[in-house]
Structure formats: C-alpha cells, structure tokens
Amino acid sequence: MPVVYIDVLLGVNLFVNYFLLLAVGRFLHLAVRRLRLLAGAAVGAVFSLSILLPPLPAVLPLLFRLALSLLLILISFPIPTGKRLVQAVLAFYLVSFAFAGFFLALWLLTSAEGIFVRNSIVYFDLSPLVFLLSSVLAYAVVRLLQRITGREEPPALTCRVEVRRGSARAVFTARVDTGNSLTEPFSGAPVIVAEKGAVAGLRPSTAEGCRLVPFHTVSGGGLLRAFRPDSLVISCGGRAFQPAEAYIAVSEQPLSAGEFSALLNPALLE
C-alpha cells in the first residue's frame, strides 16, 4: 500500500465530492444550497478513509457505496419524490463515471506511478494541486456537455401563464425559479407556486380536489394547498408550452414586490 496522508485524502475528496454534487445539481436543475453541498461532500470525504481499512469482502464496499450515494443525495438536495431521488442517484453515478474517466485519462497522460484501489475507494498517485485543478476542469467539461445536450438551466425568465379551470380563467406573470423543484407527491407532476390573488377565481372552494404539497425553504417549511388545472399554457422565451401534468400551489404570502405573481418549476419548460 502506498503512503496515504490523511489530511490530503480528506481535503482532496472534500473538494472533488463538492464539485461532483454541484454538477449533479446543475444537471437535474435541483435547488443548490452551498452549505448542504459542503455537508454532503464532507460525509463522502469521511467515507474515503475506508481505504485505510483491511480489504473487505467484495459485496460490502458495493453496498456501502450504494448507501453512501443515497445518503449524499439526501443530504445535498431537497428531493420531494421517489422518482426524483432515483434520477438524482443515477445522475450521481453518471457524473462520477465522467469524473473518474477524466482522472484516469489524466493519470495516463502524466505517467504517474500507479493507482491504488481498496474497498471501492480509488487513490490516484497525483499531486493534490493537480487533483484539485483537474476537479474544476472535470466540472467544466460536465457543464459543457450539459449545454451541448440541452440540459443547461434556463436563464432567469419571466413568463406569461394562462390557467383554466372549469369556466374560470386566470392570466398572471411567473418567474422561472431554478430553485423550485416542487412536485406533487403522488403524481410527481411539477408545481407552480402562485400568489392567492393571482388564482383567486380558480381555487376549489372546499378541500375536495386539492392536494397538499410539502415545501422547504431556508427559513422553514410547511404544506401548500394545490389544485390541478384543466389547461395550462406557458408563454416563455418566444415559445409556448402546454405541460400535460401540473399543479398550482397557492401561497398565502406575496412572492415579490409586484414584478411577478408565481414561481415556475423549470421542469415545465422541458
């Protein structure tokens, strides 16, 4: 076993894990909170110390790795549904493979002495500085691929939203919010959060036909009452979108100082 410095091992893994999780968040348009990403990266860095343990039976590192990836996603991002969680875990492995392939290519090009693998942890014989700079470059490559494949986050846009329910109709302005990943828990349908005044004529008069959507913010969380419109047309960036499934959640508090009346989940523009 080569000489492994614990401080370097932890520091490098913290840095690499942070950019890996950041790439996952950007790829899936998840709400990115720096402190949560840092906490997830720290947990992943601690797990890297398992390279110092004696070799474990082959199945145990695999199970630990699967459990760790799930834990990192739950720590790093607000994941409201099981479907979204599966997508996040798959994206985590996709980005991990991209990072690993990049480092392998770098190791081959630099003719470093070797690679050490134990308990599913890979140790490249590269200097910490090269490793850190390579992580930034690998993240940039992932972001470039995201743009090429059309997965780039939409820019800050203001959209016109037309909602119909029965004979009632409402038109209001919504802001595309990349931090809005709310979905209705049972259907997984994206949610638009609208001020109560914007949809006053559309809301069901009783609880029948409504769903409760849990939400989390920096200042806390709670439940929003949501309803499903009969039709929804979003005019944004010169294009019109008519999502097949969506819910309108009603906010009792104003969302802006009059610039817009709703926050739009970017998934509705895909």
Protein backbone atom coordinates (compact mmCIF):
# COMPACT_ATOMS: atom_id res chain seq x y z
CA MET A 1 0.00 0.00 0.00
CA PRO A 2 1.44 3.43 -0.93
CA VAL A 3 1.85 6.19 1.62
CA VAL A 4 -1.52 7.93 2.12
CA TYR A 5 -1.68 11.23 4.00
CA ILE A 6 -5.00 11.52 5.82
CA ASP A 7 -5.23 15.31 5.58
CA VAL A 8 -4.57 15.20 1.83
CA LEU A 9 -7.02 12.31 1.38
CA LEU A 10 -9.80 14.16 3.21
CA GLY A 11 -9.10 17.53 1.60
CA VAL A 12 -8.96 16.21 -1.95
CA ASN A 13 -12.12 14.11 -1.53
CA LEU A 14 -13.98 17.03 0.03
CA PHE A 15 -13.11 19.20 -2.94
CA VAL A 16 -13.86 16.55 -5.59
CA ASN A 17 -17.14 15.49 -3.94
CA TYR A 18 -18.29 19.11 -3.77
CA PHE A 19 -17.86 19.65 -7.50
CA LEU A 20 -19.36 16.24 -8.25
CA LEU A 21 -22.51 17.06 -6.27
CA LEU A 22 -22.63 20.55 -7.76
CA ALA A 23 -22.57 19.00 -11.25
CA VAL A 24 -25.44 16.66 -10.29
CA GLY A 25 -27.49 19.60 -9.02
CA ARG A 26 -26.91 21.64 -12.16
CA PHE A 27 -27.63 18.67 -14.42
CA LEU A 28 -31.02 17.96 -12.81
CA HIS A 29 -31.93 21.60 -12.06
CA LEU A 30 -32.11 20.84 -8.36
CA ALA A 31 -32.09 23.54 -5.73
CA VAL A 32 -28.42 24.08 -4.88
CA ARG A 33 -27.51 25.23 -1.38
CA ARG A 34 -23.78 25.60 -0.81
CA LEU A 35 -23.82 24.53 2.84
CA ARG A 36 -25.82 21.39 2.04
CA LEU A 37 -23.40 20.51 -0.77
CA LEU A 38 -20.49 21.05 1.60
CA ALA A 39 -22.11 18.78 4.21
CA GLY A 40 -22.66 16.04 1.62
CA ALA A 41 -19.10 16.40 0.35
CA ALA A 42 -17.78 16.15 3.92
CA VAL A 43 -19.64 12.89 4.52
CA GLY A 44 -18.20 11.49 1.28
CA ALA A 45 -14.71 12.59 2.33
CA VAL A 46 -15.03 10.79 5.68
CA PHE A 47 -16.09 7.64 3.86
CA SER A 48 -12.88 7.79 1.80
CA LEU A 49 -11.00 6.83 4.99
CA SER A 50 -12.23 3.28 4.42
CA ILE A 51 -9.26 2.92 2.06
CA LEU A 52 -7.16 2.58 5.23
CA LEU A 53 -9.14 -0.44 6.44
CA PRO A 54 -8.15 -4.02 5.63
CA PRO A 55 -9.71 -5.34 2.40
CA LEU A 56 -13.42 -6.09 2.92
CA PRO A 57 -15.47 -8.81 1.18
CA ALA A 58 -16.27 -7.61 -2.34
CA VAL A 59 -20.01 -7.16 -1.73
CA LEU A 60 -19.66 -4.92 1.34
CA PRO A 61 -17.89 -1.97 -0.37
CA LEU A 62 -20.53 -2.11 -3.12
CA LEU A 63 -23.38 -1.96 -0.60
CA PHE A 64 -21.63 0.82 1.32
CA ARG A 65 -21.13 2.76 -1.90
CA LEU A 66 -24.81 2.45 -2.83
CA ALA A 67 -25.89 3.52 0.65
CA LEU A 68 -23.40 6.39 0.60
CA SER A 69 -24.62 7.73 -2.74
CA LEU A 70 -28.19 7.72 -1.45
CA LEU A 71 -27.11 9.47 1.76
CA LEU A 72 -25.11 12.13 -0.11
CA ILE A 73 -28.07 12.96 -2.36
CA LEU A 74 -30.46 13.23 0.60
CA ILE A 75 -28.03 15.48 2.47
CA SER A 76 -27.19 17.68 -0.50
CA PHE A 77 -30.58 18.29 -2.14
CA PRO A 78 -34.27 18.61 -1.28
CA ILE A 79 -35.72 15.54 -3.03
CA PRO A 80 -39.54 15.51 -2.78
CA THR A 81 -40.41 12.27 -4.60
CA GLY A 82 -39.06 8.76 -5.04
CA LYS A 83 -38.84 9.22 -8.81
CA ARG A 84 -36.72 12.32 -8.44
CA LEU A 85 -34.50 10.51 -5.94
CA VAL A 86 -33.83 7.69 -8.41
CA GLN A 87 -32.98 10.26 -11.09
CA ALA A 88 -30.59 12.01 -8.72
CA VAL A 89 -28.80 8.78 -7.76
CA LEU A 90 -28.45 7.77 -11.43
CA ALA A 91 -27.12 11.23 -12.27
CA PHE A 92 -24.68 10.94 -9.36
CA TYR A 93 -23.20 7.76 -10.83
CA LEU A 94 -23.19 9.18 -14.36
CA VAL A 95 -21.23 12.23 -13.25
CA SER A 96 -18.98 10.07 -11.03
CA PHE A 97 -18.06 7.91 -14.02
CA ALA A 98 -17.34 11.05 -16.05
CA PHE A 99 -15.04 12.39 -13.30
CA ALA A 100 -13.33 9.00 -12.89
CA GLY A 101 -12.76 8.69 -16.63
CA PHE A 102 -11.27 12.18 -16.71
CA PHE A 103 -8.85 11.41 -13.87
CA LEU A 104 -7.89 8.08 -15.46
CA ALA A 105 -7.05 9.84 -18.71
CA LEU A 106 -5.06 12.44 -16.79
CA TRP A 107 -3.14 9.73 -14.95
CA LEU A 108 -2.26 8.02 -18.24
CA LEU A 109 -1.12 11.29 -19.79
CA THR A 110 1.06 12.29 -16.85
CA SER A 111 2.61 8.82 -16.47
CA ALA A 112 2.12 8.82 -12.70
CA GLU A 113 3.34 5.79 -10.76
CA GLY A 114 0.07 3.99 -10.20
CA ILE A 115 -3.47 3.62 -8.96
CA PHE A 116 -4.38 2.04 -5.65
CA VAL A 117 -7.87 0.63 -5.10
CA ARG A 118 -9.21 -0.71 -1.82
CA ASN A 119 -12.77 -1.05 -0.54
CA SER A 120 -14.15 0.70 -3.67
CA ILE A 121 -12.00 3.80 -2.96
CA VAL A 122 -9.61 4.78 -5.74
CA TYR A 123 -6.35 6.56 -4.92
CA PHE A 124 -4.56 8.18 -7.87
CA ASP A 125 -0.88 8.91 -7.48
CA LEU A 126 -1.27 12.58 -8.44
CA SER A 127 -0.27 15.69 -6.53
CA PRO A 128 -3.12 17.37 -4.58
CA LEU A 129 -2.78 20.56 -6.67
CA VAL A 130 -3.16 18.65 -9.94
CA PHE A 131 -6.11 16.76 -8.48
CA LEU A 132 -7.88 19.94 -7.35
CA LEU A 133 -7.33 21.76 -10.62
CA SER A 134 -8.46 18.66 -12.50
CA SER A 135 -11.70 18.57 -10.49
CA VAL A 136 -12.53 22.10 -11.60
CA LEU A 137 -11.72 21.19 -15.19
CA ALA A 138 -13.80 17.99 -14.99
CA TYR A 139 -16.74 20.02 -13.68
CA ALA A 140 -16.33 22.46 -16.57
CA VAL A 141 -16.36 19.55 -19.03
CA VAL A 142 -19.58 18.17 -17.49
CA ARG A 143 -21.19 21.60 -17.72
CA LEU A 144 -20.13 21.88 -21.38
CA LEU A 145 -21.71 18.51 -22.12
CA GLN A 146 -24.83 19.70 -20.30
CA ARG A 147 -25.10 22.66 -22.65
CA ILE A 148 -24.48 20.52 -25.74
CA THR A 149 -27.18 18.03 -24.73
CA GLY A 150 -29.69 20.78 -23.92
CA ARG A 151 -29.68 20.19 -20.16
CA GLU A 152 -28.47 23.69 -19.37
CA GLU A 153 -30.51 25.56 -16.80
CA PRO A 154 -32.85 28.09 -18.34
CA PRO A 155 -31.82 31.70 -17.74
CA ALA A 156 -33.86 33.88 -15.45
CA LEU A 157 -37.06 34.40 -17.45
CA THR A 158 -40.42 35.96 -16.89
CA CYS A 159 -43.27 34.02 -18.42
CA ARG A 160 -46.94 34.59 -19.11
CA VAL A 161 -49.10 31.84 -17.63
CA GLU A 162 -52.70 31.21 -18.63
CA VAL A 163 -54.67 28.80 -16.44
CA ARG A 164 -58.19 27.48 -16.95
CA ARG A 165 -60.32 25.50 -14.54
CA GLY A 166 -63.93 24.95 -15.48
CA SER A 167 -65.28 28.24 -16.79
CA ALA A 168 -62.76 30.31 -14.80
CA ARG A 169 -59.59 31.70 -16.34
CA ALA A 170 -56.58 33.47 -14.89
CA VAL A 171 -53.54 35.05 -16.52
CA PHE A 172 -50.51 36.04 -14.48
CA THR A 173 -46.77 36.54 -14.70
CA ALA A 174 -44.40 33.87 -13.38
CA ARG A 175 -40.67 33.83 -12.80
CA VAL A 176 -38.64 30.76 -13.76
CA ASP A 177 -37.06 29.64 -10.49
CA THR A 178 -34.24 27.10 -10.79
CA GLY A 179 -34.56 26.57 -7.04
CA ASN A 180 -38.17 25.44 -7.41
CA SER A 181 -38.13 21.66 -7.71
CA LEU A 182 -41.54 21.16 -6.09
CA THR A 183 -43.62 18.28 -7.36
CA GLU A 184 -46.97 16.89 -6.28
CA PRO A 185 -46.06 13.88 -4.07
CA PHE A 186 -48.39 11.29 -5.60
CA SER A 187 -48.16 12.06 -9.32
CA GLY A 188 -44.70 13.64 -9.41
CA ALA A 189 -46.16 16.48 -11.52
CA PRO A 190 -44.25 19.81 -11.38
CA VAL A 191 -45.76 22.57 -9.27
CA ILE A 192 -46.22 26.28 -9.92
CA VAL A 193 -46.36 28.33 -6.72
CA ALA A 194 -48.78 31.24 -7.25
CA GLU A 195 -49.96 34.06 -5.02
CA LYS A 196 -53.54 33.56 -3.86
CA GLY A 197 -54.68 36.75 -5.57
CA ALA A 198 -53.47 35.53 -8.96
CA VAL A 199 -55.60 32.38 -8.84
CA ALA A 200 -58.43 33.56 -6.59
CA GLY A 201 -61.12 32.59 -9.11
CA LEU A 202 -59.66 29.15 -9.78
CA ARG A 203 -59.17 27.70 -6.33
CA PRO A 204 -61.62 24.98 -5.23
CA SER A 205 -63.98 26.26 -2.57
CA THR A 206 -63.52 23.10 -0.50
CA ALA A 207 -60.68 20.73 0.27
CA GLU A 208 -62.08 18.27 -2.25
CA GLY A 209 -59.90 18.16 -5.34
CA CYS A 210 -56.92 19.69 -3.55
CA ARG A 211 -53.56 18.15 -2.74
CA LEU A 212 -51.07 19.13 -0.08
CA VAL A 213 -47.54 19.80 -1.34
CA PRO A 214 -44.70 19.90 1.21
CA PHE A 215 -42.10 22.62 0.73
CA HIS A 216 -38.83 23.59 2.38
CA THR A 217 -37.06 26.94 2.43
CA VAL A 218 -34.10 28.41 4.30
CA SER A 219 -36.47 29.83 6.91
CA GLY A 220 -38.54 26.64 7.36
CA GLY A 221 -41.14 24.56 5.61
CA GLY A 222 -44.77 23.56 5.57
CA LEU A 223 -47.62 22.49 3.29
CA LEU A 224 -49.17 24.31 0.35
CA ARG A 225 -52.67 23.52 -0.90
CA ALA A 226 -52.54 22.77 -4.62
CA PHE A 227 -55.06 22.03 -7.36
CA ARG A 228 -54.82 20.64 -10.86
CA PRO A 229 -55.90 22.99 -13.68
CA ASP A 230 -57.91 21.84 -16.67
CA SER A 231 -55.45 23.52 -19.02
CA LEU A 232 -52.19 25.39 -18.70
CA VAL A 233 -50.32 27.44 -21.31
CA ILE A 234 -46.90 28.94 -20.53
CA SER A 235 -45.54 31.54 -22.93
CA CYS A 236 -41.83 31.96 -22.33
CA GLY A 237 -38.85 33.00 -24.44
CA GLY A 238 -40.93 33.20 -27.61
CA ARG A 239 -42.27 29.66 -27.18
CA ALA A 240 -45.49 28.22 -25.84
CA PHE A 241 -45.52 25.21 -23.51
CA GLN A 242 -48.57 23.12 -22.64
CA PRO A 243 -47.48 20.59 -19.99
CA ALA A 244 -49.72 17.55 -19.74
CA GLU A 245 -49.46 17.45 -15.95
CA ALA A 246 -49.00 20.27 -13.49
CA TYR A 247 -50.36 21.56 -10.20
CA ILE A 248 -50.89 25.10 -8.96
CA ALA A 249 -49.92 25.59 -5.31
CA VAL A 250 -51.35 28.63 -3.56
CA SER A 251 -49.09 30.87 -1.50
CA GLU A 252 -50.71 32.99 1.19
CA GLN A 253 -47.67 35.27 1.17
CA PRO A 254 -46.62 37.60 -1.68
CA LEU A 255 -43.76 36.23 -3.78
CA SER A 256 -42.40 39.57 -4.99
CA ALA A 257 -42.94 43.29 -4.81
CA GLY A 258 -45.22 43.19 -7.84
CA GLU A 259 -42.76 42.01 -10.51
CA PHE A 260 -44.36 38.56 -10.78
CA SER A 261 -47.11 36.53 -9.13
CA ALA A 262 -45.79 32.98 -9.33
CA LEU A 263 -42.64 30.85 -9.29
CA LEU A 264 -42.29 28.35 -12.10
CA ASN A 265 -40.67 24.92 -11.86
CA PRO A 266 -38.12 24.74 -14.76
CA ALA A 267 -39.28 21.18 -15.49
CA LEU A 268 -42.43 22.66 -17.02
CA LEU A 269 -40.31 24.15 -19.83
CA GLU A 270 -38.74 20.87 -20.92
